[in-house]
Amino acid sequence: TLNNRLIEFRETCKAVIVMPGGFGTLHELLDSLVYAQFGKFSKQIILLNIDNFWDPLLLQFKKMLDCKMLHEKDLLCLRVVNSLDECVK
């Protein structure tokens, strides 16, 4: 099932690298962020923002921060990079 796949993914990965994608990619990103928010996942989450693909989502995160729906600490696990070179570093 999808939940079992995500559990195995979280348990076996060394980091999460999120490339531009669709609903499945967005689901995996948000699932990882929620688990990190509640202290159930401590690995780095890297958002690969090639050609500013994720800018609208990052703007939504900023709005959530501004509206006090998120705390800045909730996004500490998220690192945004704009190239594969940055991602590898």
PDB file of N, CA and C in Angstrom:
ATOM      1  N   THR A   1       0.842  -1.192   0.000  1.00  0.00           N
ATOM      2  CA  THR A   1       0.000   0.000   0.000  1.00  0.00           C
ATOM      3  C   THR A   1       0.878   1.244   0.000  1.00  0.00           C
ATOM      4  N   LEU A   2       0.258   2.380  -0.277  1.00  0.00           N
ATOM      5  CA  LEU A   2       0.984   3.642  -0.324  1.00  0.00           C
ATOM      6  C   LEU A   2       1.626   3.972   1.016  1.00  0.00           C
ATOM      7  N   ASN A   3       0.879   3.777   2.106  1.00  0.00           N
ATOM      8  CA  ASN A   3       1.428   4.089   3.435  1.00  0.00           C
ATOM      9  C   ASN A   3       2.634   3.219   3.768  1.00  0.00           C
ATOM     10  N   ASN A   4       2.571   1.935   3.426  1.00  0.00           N
ATOM     11  CA  ASN A   4       3.710   1.051   3.695  1.00  0.00           C
ATOM     12  C   ASN A   4       4.926   1.486   2.898  1.00  0.00           C
ATOM     13  N   ARG A   5       4.705   1.925   1.653  1.00  0.00           N
ATOM     14  CA  ARG A   5       5.805   2.379   0.812  1.00  0.00           C
ATOM     15  C   ARG A   5       6.451   3.618   1.409  1.00  0.00           C
ATOM     16  N   LEU A   6       5.636   4.554   1.895  1.00  0.00           N
ATOM     17  CA  LEU A   6       6.171   5.779   2.489  1.00  0.00           C
ATOM     18  C   LEU A   6       6.903   5.492   3.799  1.00  0.00           C
ATOM     19  N   ILE A   7       6.400   4.557   4.580  1.00  0.00           N
ATOM     20  CA  ILE A   7       7.081   4.161   5.826  1.00  0.00           C
ATOM     21  C   ILE A   7       8.445   3.572   5.504  1.00  0.00           C
ATOM     22  N   GLU A   8       8.493   2.653   4.542  1.00  0.00           N
ATOM     23  CA  GLU A   8       9.767   2.043   4.160  1.00  0.00           C
ATOM     24  C   GLU A   8      10.722   3.100   3.593  1.00  0.00           C
ATOM     25  N   PHE A   9      10.189   4.006   2.810  1.00  0.00           N
ATOM     26  CA  PHE A   9      10.983   5.093   2.237  1.00  0.00           C
ATOM     27  C   PHE A   9      11.630   5.918   3.344  1.00  0.00           C
ATOM     28  N   ARG A  10      10.855   6.329   4.335  1.00  0.00           N
ATOM     29  CA  ARG A  10      11.377   7.131   5.445  1.00  0.00           C
ATOM     30  C   ARG A  10      12.420   6.375   6.249  1.00  0.00           C
ATOM     31  N   GLU A  11      12.210   5.087   6.443  1.00  0.00           N
ATOM     32  CA  GLU A  11      13.124   4.291   7.267  1.00  0.00           C
ATOM     33  C   GLU A  11      14.453   4.002   6.570  1.00  0.00           C
ATOM     34  N   THR A  12      14.472   3.916   5.254  1.00  0.00           N
ATOM     35  CA  THR A  12      15.673   3.481   4.546  1.00  0.00           C
ATOM     36  C   THR A  12      16.451   4.604   3.868  1.00  0.00           C
ATOM     37  N   CYS A  13      15.848   5.754   3.690  1.00  0.00           N
ATOM     38  CA  CYS A  13      16.549   6.825   2.965  1.00  0.00           C
ATOM     39  C   CYS A  13      17.578   7.511   3.868  1.00  0.00           C
ATOM     40  N   LYS A  14      18.564   8.133   3.243  1.00  0.00           N
ATOM     41  CA  LYS A  14      19.554   8.925   3.976  1.00  0.00           C
ATOM     42  C   LYS A  14      19.179  10.396   3.939  1.00  0.00           C
ATOM     43  N   ALA A  15      18.424  10.786   2.932  1.00  0.00           N
ATOM     44  CA  ALA A  15      17.912  12.144   2.766  1.00  0.00           C
ATOM     45  C   ALA A  15      16.791  12.063   1.739  1.00  0.00           C
ATOM     46  N   VAL A  16      15.975  13.083   1.710  1.00  0.00           N
ATOM     47  CA  VAL A  16      14.901  13.161   0.724  1.00  0.00           C
ATOM     48  C   VAL A  16      15.267  14.274  -0.248  1.00  0.00           C
ATOM     49  N   ILE A  17      15.355  13.932  -1.526  1.00  0.00           N
ATOM     50  CA  ILE A  17      15.596  14.926  -2.561  1.00  0.00           C
ATOM     51  C   ILE A  17      14.334  14.992  -3.409  1.00  0.00           C
ATOM     52  N   VAL A  18      13.711  16.158  -3.411  1.00  0.00           N
ATOM     53  CA  VAL A  18      12.435  16.329  -4.098  1.00  0.00           C
ATOM     54  C   VAL A  18      12.672  17.119  -5.378  1.00  0.00           C
ATOM     55  N   MET A  19      12.448  16.467  -6.498  1.00  0.00           N
ATOM     56  CA  MET A  19      12.606  17.096  -7.797  1.00  0.00           C
ATOM     57  C   MET A  19      11.240  17.615  -8.257  1.00  0.00           C
ATOM     58  N   PRO A  20      11.207  18.443  -9.289  1.00  0.00           N
ATOM     59  CA  PRO A  20       9.910  18.855  -9.821  1.00  0.00           C
ATOM     60  C   PRO A  20       9.071  17.629 -10.182  1.00  0.00           C
ATOM     61  N   GLY A  21       7.800  17.673  -9.852  1.00  0.00           N
ATOM     62  CA  GLY A  21       6.944  16.520 -10.112  1.00  0.00           C
ATOM     63  C   GLY A  21       5.483  16.849  -9.918  1.00  0.00           C
ATOM     64  N   GLY A  22       4.688  15.813  -9.848  1.00  0.00           N
ATOM     65  CA  GLY A  22       3.239  15.959  -9.750  1.00  0.00           C
ATOM     66  C   GLY A  22       2.709  15.679  -8.356  1.00  0.00           C
ATOM     67  N   PHE A  23       1.482  15.183  -8.312  1.00  0.00           N
ATOM     68  CA  PHE A  23       0.816  14.955  -7.028  1.00  0.00           C
ATOM     69  C   PHE A  23       1.572  13.973  -6.139  1.00  0.00           C
ATOM     70  N   GLY A  24       2.111  12.896  -6.719  1.00  0.00           N
ATOM     71  CA  GLY A  24       2.837  11.913  -5.912  1.00  0.00           C
ATOM     72  C   GLY A  24       4.060  12.526  -5.251  1.00  0.00           C
ATOM     73  N   THR A  25       4.784  13.333  -6.008  1.00  0.00           N
ATOM     74  CA  THR A  25       5.967  14.011  -5.478  1.00  0.00           C
ATOM     75  C   THR A  25       5.576  14.977  -4.372  1.00  0.00           C
ATOM     76  N   LEU A  26       4.517  15.735  -4.610  1.00  0.00           N
ATOM     77  CA  LEU A  26       4.032  16.682  -3.604  1.00  0.00           C
ATOM     78  C   LEU A  26       3.601  15.946  -2.342  1.00  0.00           C
ATOM     79  N   HIS A  27       2.942  14.813  -2.507  1.00  0.00           N
ATOM     80  CA  HIS A  27       2.505  14.010  -1.367  1.00  0.00           C
ATOM     81  C   HIS A  27       3.701  13.538  -0.551  1.00  0.00           C
ATOM     82  N   GLU A  28       4.739  13.037  -1.232  1.00  0.00           N
ATOM     83  CA  GLU A  28       5.923  12.559  -0.519  1.00  0.00           C
ATOM     84  C   GLU A  28       6.631  13.701   0.207  1.00  0.00           C
ATOM     85  N   LEU A  29       6.683  14.882  -0.419  1.00  0.00           N
ATOM     86  CA  LEU A  29       7.290  16.043   0.236  1.00  0.00           C
ATOM     87  C   LEU A  29       6.515  16.419   1.488  1.00  0.00           C
ATOM     88  N   LEU A  30       5.215  16.581   1.355  1.00  0.00           N
ATOM     89  CA  LEU A  30       4.408  17.007   2.498  1.00  0.00           C
ATOM     90  C   LEU A  30       4.381  15.950   3.589  1.00  0.00           C
ATOM     91  N   ASP A  31       4.356  14.691   3.209  1.00  0.00           N
ATOM     92  CA  ASP A  31       4.401  13.606   4.187  1.00  0.00           C
ATOM     93  C   ASP A  31       5.697  13.689   4.996  1.00  0.00           C
ATOM     94  N   SER A  32       6.809  13.892   4.303  1.00  0.00           N
ATOM     95  CA  SER A  32       8.102  14.014   4.993  1.00  0.00           C
ATOM     96  C   SER A  32       8.124  15.231   5.912  1.00  0.00           C
ATOM     97  N   LEU A  33       7.575  16.364   5.443  1.00  0.00           N
ATOM     98  CA  LEU A  33       7.552  17.576   6.261  1.00  0.00           C
ATOM     99  C   LEU A  33       6.678  17.401   7.504  1.00  0.00           C
ATOM    100  N   VAL A  34       5.549  16.731   7.360  1.00  0.00           N
ATOM    101  CA  VAL A  34       4.668  16.504   8.512  1.00  0.00           C
ATOM    102  C   VAL A  34       5.360  15.605   9.534  1.00  0.00           C
ATOM    103  N   TYR A  35       5.984  14.536   9.073  1.00  0.00           N
ATOM    104  CA  TYR A  35       6.689  13.658  10.004  1.00  0.00           C
ATOM    105  C   TYR A  35       7.833  14.395  10.691  1.00  0.00           C
ATOM    106  N   ALA A  36       8.537  15.249   9.955  1.00  0.00           N
ATOM    107  CA  ALA A  36       9.609  16.048  10.556  1.00  0.00           C
ATOM    108  C   ALA A  36       9.039  17.028  11.573  1.00  0.00           C
ATOM    109  N   GLN A  37       7.922  17.634  11.250  1.00  0.00           N
ATOM    110  CA  GLN A  37       7.290  18.614  12.151  1.00  0.00           C
ATOM    111  C   GLN A  37       6.965  17.979  13.500  1.00  0.00           C
ATOM    112  N   PHE A  38       6.566  16.721  13.485  1.00  0.00           N
ATOM    113  CA  PHE A  38       6.192  16.042  14.713  1.00  0.00           C
ATOM    114  C   PHE A  38       7.325  15.192  15.292  1.00  0.00           C
ATOM    115  N   GLY A  39       8.542  15.423  14.800  1.00  0.00           N
ATOM    116  CA  GLY A  39       9.709  14.753  15.361  1.00  0.00           C
ATOM    117  C   GLY A  39       9.835  13.283  15.018  1.00  0.00           C
ATOM    118  N   LYS A  40       9.161  12.828  13.995  1.00  0.00           N
ATOM    119  CA  LYS A  40       9.192  11.412  13.608  1.00  0.00           C
ATOM    120  C   LYS A  40      10.146  11.150  12.450  1.00  0.00           C
ATOM    121  N   PHE A  41      10.774  12.217  11.926  1.00  0.00           N
ATOM    122  CA  PHE A  41      11.680  12.099  10.784  1.00  0.00           C
ATOM    123  C   PHE A  41      12.725  13.189  10.913  1.00  0.00           C
ATOM    124  N   SER A  42      13.993  12.813  10.939  1.00  0.00           N
ATOM    125  CA  SER A  42      15.036  13.811  11.202  1.00  0.00           C
ATOM    126  C   SER A  42      16.036  13.954  10.067  1.00  0.00           C
ATOM    127  N   LYS A  43      15.759  13.362   8.939  1.00  0.00           N
ATOM    128  CA  LYS A  43      16.696  13.437   7.824  1.00  0.00           C
ATOM    129  C   LYS A  43      16.457  14.702   7.002  1.00  0.00           C
ATOM    130  N   GLN A  44      17.501  15.135   6.307  1.00  0.00           N
ATOM    131  CA  GLN A  44      17.430  16.347   5.497  1.00  0.00           C
ATOM    132  C   GLN A  44      16.438  16.165   4.345  1.00  0.00           C
ATOM    133  N   ILE A  45      15.659  17.202   4.093  1.00  0.00           N
ATOM    134  CA  ILE A  45      14.740  17.232   2.953  1.00  0.00           C
ATOM    135  C   ILE A  45      15.239  18.345   2.044  1.00  0.00           C
ATOM    136  N   ILE A  46      15.607  17.971   0.824  1.00  0.00           N
ATOM    137  CA  ILE A  46      16.157  18.925  -0.132  1.00  0.00           C
ATOM    138  C   ILE A  46      15.150  19.123  -1.259  1.00  0.00           C
ATOM    139  N   LEU A  47      14.755  20.357  -1.452  1.00  0.00           N
ATOM    140  CA  LEU A  47      13.809  20.706  -2.503  1.00  0.00           C
ATOM    141  C   LEU A  47      14.603  21.251  -3.683  1.00  0.00           C
ATOM    142  N   LEU A  48      14.635  20.517  -4.773  1.00  0.00           N
ATOM    143  CA  LEU A  48      15.371  20.905  -5.961  1.00  0.00           C
ATOM    144  C   LEU A  48      14.476  21.805  -6.815  1.00  0.00           C
ATOM    145  N   ASN A  49      14.727  23.093  -6.715  1.00  0.00           N
ATOM    146  CA  ASN A  49      13.855  24.116  -7.304  1.00  0.00           C
ATOM    147  C   ASN A  49      14.365  24.555  -8.684  1.00  0.00           C
ATOM    148  N   ILE A  50      14.486  23.600  -9.574  1.00  0.00           N
ATOM    149  CA  ILE A  50      14.972  23.877 -10.930  1.00  0.00           C
ATOM    150  C   ILE A  50      13.966  24.751 -11.670  1.00  0.00           C
ATOM    151  N   ASP A  51      14.479  25.799 -12.324  1.00  0.00           N
ATOM    152  CA  ASP A  51      13.646  26.750 -13.084  1.00  0.00           C
ATOM    153  C   ASP A  51      12.512  27.313 -12.234  1.00  0.00           C
ATOM    154  N   ASN A  52      12.773  27.458 -10.928  1.00  0.00           N
ATOM    155  CA  ASN A  52      11.791  28.038  -9.990  1.00  0.00           C
ATOM    156  C   ASN A  52      10.473  27.262  -9.930  1.00  0.00           C
ATOM    157  N   PHE A  53      10.549  25.961 -10.209  1.00  0.00           N
ATOM    158  CA  PHE A  53       9.341  25.126 -10.243  1.00  0.00           C
ATOM    159  C   PHE A  53       8.539  25.197  -8.951  1.00  0.00           C
ATOM    160  N   TRP A  54       9.233  25.187  -7.809  1.00  0.00           N
ATOM    161  CA  TRP A  54       8.566  25.124  -6.509  1.00  0.00           C
ATOM    162  C   TRP A  54       8.278  26.505  -5.922  1.00  0.00           C
ATOM    163  N   ASP A  55       8.567  27.585  -6.636  1.00  0.00           N
ATOM    164  CA  ASP A  55       8.342  28.934  -6.098  1.00  0.00           C
ATOM    165  C   ASP A  55       6.919  29.161  -5.582  1.00  0.00           C
ATOM    166  N   PRO A  56       5.870  28.734  -6.313  1.00  0.00           N
ATOM    167  CA  PRO A  56       4.516  28.943  -5.765  1.00  0.00           C
ATOM    168  C   PRO A  56       4.295  28.231  -4.431  1.00  0.00           C
ATOM    169  N   LEU A  57       4.843  27.037  -4.278  1.00  0.00           N
ATOM    170  CA  LEU A  57       4.715  26.306  -3.013  1.00  0.00           C
ATOM    171  C   LEU A  57       5.500  27.010  -1.911  1.00  0.00           C
ATOM    172  N   LEU A  58       6.690  27.494  -2.230  1.00  0.00           N
ATOM    173  CA  LEU A  58       7.492  28.217  -1.243  1.00  0.00           C
ATOM    174  C   LEU A  58       6.803  29.506  -0.826  1.00  0.00           C
ATOM    175  N   LEU A  59       6.121  30.148  -1.763  1.00  0.00           N
ATOM    176  CA  LEU A  59       5.335  31.337  -1.435  1.00  0.00           C
ATOM    177  C   LEU A  59       4.190  30.975  -0.494  1.00  0.00           C
ATOM    178  N   GLN A  60       3.581  29.812  -0.704  1.00  0.00           N
ATOM    179  CA  GLN A  60       2.517  29.344   0.194  1.00  0.00           C
ATOM    180  C   GLN A  60       3.076  29.074   1.582  1.00  0.00           C
ATOM    181  N   PHE A  61       4.256  28.470   1.664  1.00  0.00           N
ATOM    182  CA  PHE A  61       4.888  28.247   2.969  1.00  0.00           C
ATOM    183  C   PHE A  61       5.127  29.575   3.683  1.00  0.00           C
ATOM    184  N   LYS A  62       5.573  30.592   2.936  1.00  0.00           N
ATOM    185  CA  LYS A  62       5.789  31.909   3.525  1.00  0.00           C
ATOM    186  C   LYS A  62       4.480  32.485   4.049  1.00  0.00           C
ATOM    187  N   LYS A  63       3.419  32.320   3.278  1.00  0.00           N
ATOM    188  CA  LYS A  63       2.107  32.805   3.721  1.00  0.00           C
ATOM    189  C   LYS A  63       1.675  32.080   4.992  1.00  0.00           C
ATOM    190  N   MET A  64       1.926  30.785   5.068  1.00  0.00           N
ATOM    191  CA  MET A  64       1.586  30.001   6.249  1.00  0.00           C
ATOM    192  C   MET A  64       2.376  30.483   7.462  1.00  0.00           C
ATOM    193  N   LEU A  65       3.642  30.841   7.249  1.00  0.00           N
ATOM    194  CA  LEU A  65       4.454  31.415   8.329  1.00  0.00           C
ATOM    195  C   LEU A  65       3.891  32.767   8.761  1.00  0.00           C
ATOM    196  N   ASP A  66       3.590  33.615   7.781  1.00  0.00           N
ATOM    197  CA  ASP A  66       3.061  34.949   8.071  1.00  0.00           C
ATOM    198  C   ASP A  66       1.733  34.898   8.824  1.00  0.00           C
ATOM    199  N   CYS A  67       0.930  33.901   8.516  1.00  0.00           N
ATOM    200  CA  CYS A  67      -0.382  33.743   9.164  1.00  0.00           C
ATOM    201  C   CYS A  67      -0.309  32.923  10.451  1.00  0.00           C
ATOM    202  N   LYS A  68       0.908  32.576  10.861  1.00  0.00           N
ATOM    203  CA  LYS A  68       1.136  31.814  12.101  1.00  0.00           C
ATOM    204  C   LYS A  68       0.543  30.398  12.049  1.00  0.00           C
ATOM    205  N   MET A  69       0.451  29.858  10.824  1.00  0.00           N
ATOM    206  CA  MET A  69      -0.005  28.476  10.662  1.00  0.00           C
ATOM    207  C   MET A  69       1.167  27.502  10.761  1.00  0.00           C
ATOM    208  N   LEU A  70       2.364  28.024  10.563  1.00  0.00           N
ATOM    209  CA  LEU A  70       3.602  27.266  10.690  1.00  0.00           C
ATOM    210  C   LEU A  70       4.561  28.057  11.555  1.00  0.00           C
ATOM    211  N   HIS A  71       5.478  27.343  12.176  1.00  0.00           N
ATOM    212  CA  HIS A  71       6.582  27.977  12.889  1.00  0.00           C
ATOM    213  C   HIS A  71       7.829  27.814  12.033  1.00  0.00           C
ATOM    214  N   GLU A  72       8.733  28.770  12.120  1.00  0.00           N
ATOM    215  CA  GLU A  72       9.960  28.686  11.332  1.00  0.00           C
ATOM    216  C   GLU A  72      10.709  27.385  11.579  1.00  0.00           C
ATOM    217  N   LYS A  73      10.649  26.882  12.799  1.00  0.00           N
ATOM    218  CA  LYS A  73      11.348  25.631  13.108  1.00  0.00           C
ATOM    219  C   LYS A  73      10.790  24.455  12.303  1.00  0.00           C
ATOM    220  N   ASP A  74       9.523  24.565  11.868  1.00  0.00           N
ATOM    221  CA  ASP A  74       8.919  23.489  11.086  1.00  0.00           C
ATOM    222  C   ASP A  74       9.566  23.340   9.714  1.00  0.00           C
ATOM    223  N   LEU A  75      10.231  24.380   9.253  1.00  0.00           N
ATOM    224  CA  LEU A  75      10.863  24.328   7.936  1.00  0.00           C
ATOM    225  C   LEU A  75      12.382  24.195   8.006  1.00  0.00           C
ATOM    226  N   LEU A  76      12.922  24.014   9.210  1.00  0.00           N
ATOM    227  CA  LEU A  76      14.376  23.886   9.342  1.00  0.00           C
ATOM    228  C   LEU A  76      14.922  22.666   8.613  1.00  0.00           C
ATOM    229  N   CYS A  77      14.137  21.637   8.474  1.00  0.00           N
ATOM    230  CA  CYS A  77      14.596  20.421   7.800  1.00  0.00           C
ATOM    231  C   CYS A  77      14.584  20.580   6.283  1.00  0.00           C
ATOM    232  N   LEU A  78      13.974  21.650   5.783  1.00  0.00           N
ATOM    233  CA  LEU A  78      13.836  21.858   4.340  1.00  0.00           C
ATOM    234  C   LEU A  78      14.953  22.758   3.829  1.00  0.00           C
ATOM    235  N   ARG A  79      15.698  22.233   2.896  1.00  0.00           N
ATOM    236  CA  ARG A  79      16.755  23.011   2.246  1.00  0.00           C
ATOM    237  C   ARG A  79      16.369  23.174   0.785  1.00  0.00           C
ATOM    238  N   VAL A  80      16.327  24.398   0.310  1.00  0.00           N
ATOM    239  CA  VAL A  80      15.958  24.683  -1.077  1.00  0.00           C
ATOM    240  C   VAL A  80      17.229  24.963  -1.860  1.00  0.00           C
ATOM    241  N   VAL A  81      17.394  24.244  -2.952  1.00  0.00           N
ATOM    242  CA  VAL A  81      18.544  24.453  -3.848  1.00  0.00           C
ATOM    243  C   VAL A  81      18.020  24.651  -5.264  1.00  0.00           C
ATOM    244  N   ASN A  82      18.821  25.311  -6.084  1.00  0.00           N
ATOM    245  CA  ASN A  82      18.373  25.642  -7.437  1.00  0.00           C
ATOM    246  C   ASN A  82      19.097  24.881  -8.536  1.00  0.00           C
ATOM    247  N   SER A  83      20.021  23.997  -8.160  1.00  0.00           N
ATOM    248  CA  SER A  83      20.750  23.229  -9.177  1.00  0.00           C
ATOM    249  C   SER A  83      21.179  21.884  -8.604  1.00  0.00           C
ATOM    250  N   LEU A  84      21.523  20.976  -9.509  1.00  0.00           N
ATOM    251  CA  LEU A  84      22.030  19.677  -9.075  1.00  0.00           C
ATOM    252  C   LEU A  84      23.349  19.819  -8.331  1.00  0.00           C
ATOM    253  N   ASP A  85      24.185  20.767  -8.765  1.00  0.00           N
ATOM    254  CA  ASP A  85      25.464  20.988  -8.071  1.00  0.00           C
ATOM    255  C   ASP A  85      25.239  21.367  -6.619  1.00  0.00           C
ATOM    256  N   GLU A  86      24.306  22.292  -6.375  1.00  0.00           N
ATOM    257  CA  GLU A  86      23.992  22.689  -4.990  1.00  0.00           C
ATOM    258  C   GLU A  86      23.466  21.501  -4.203  1.00  0.00           C
ATOM    259  N   CYS A  87      22.673  20.688  -4.848  1.00  0.00           N
ATOM    260  CA  CYS A  87      22.064  19.520  -4.194  1.00  0.00           C
ATOM    261  C   CYS A  87      23.144  18.547  -3.746  1.00  0.00           C
ATOM    262  N   VAL A  88      24.126  18.305  -4.588  1.00  0.00           N
ATOM    263  CA  VAL A  88      25.190  17.363  -4.263  1.00  0.00           C
ATOM    264  C   VAL A  88      26.043  17.855  -3.114  1.00  0.00           C
ATOM    265  N   LYS A  89      26.276  19.174  -3.049  1.00  0.00           N
ATOM    266  CA  LYS A  89      27.086  19.744  -1.969  1.00  0.00           C
ATOM    267  C   LYS A  89      26.372  19.555  -0.657  1.00  0.00           C
TER     268      LYS A  89
END
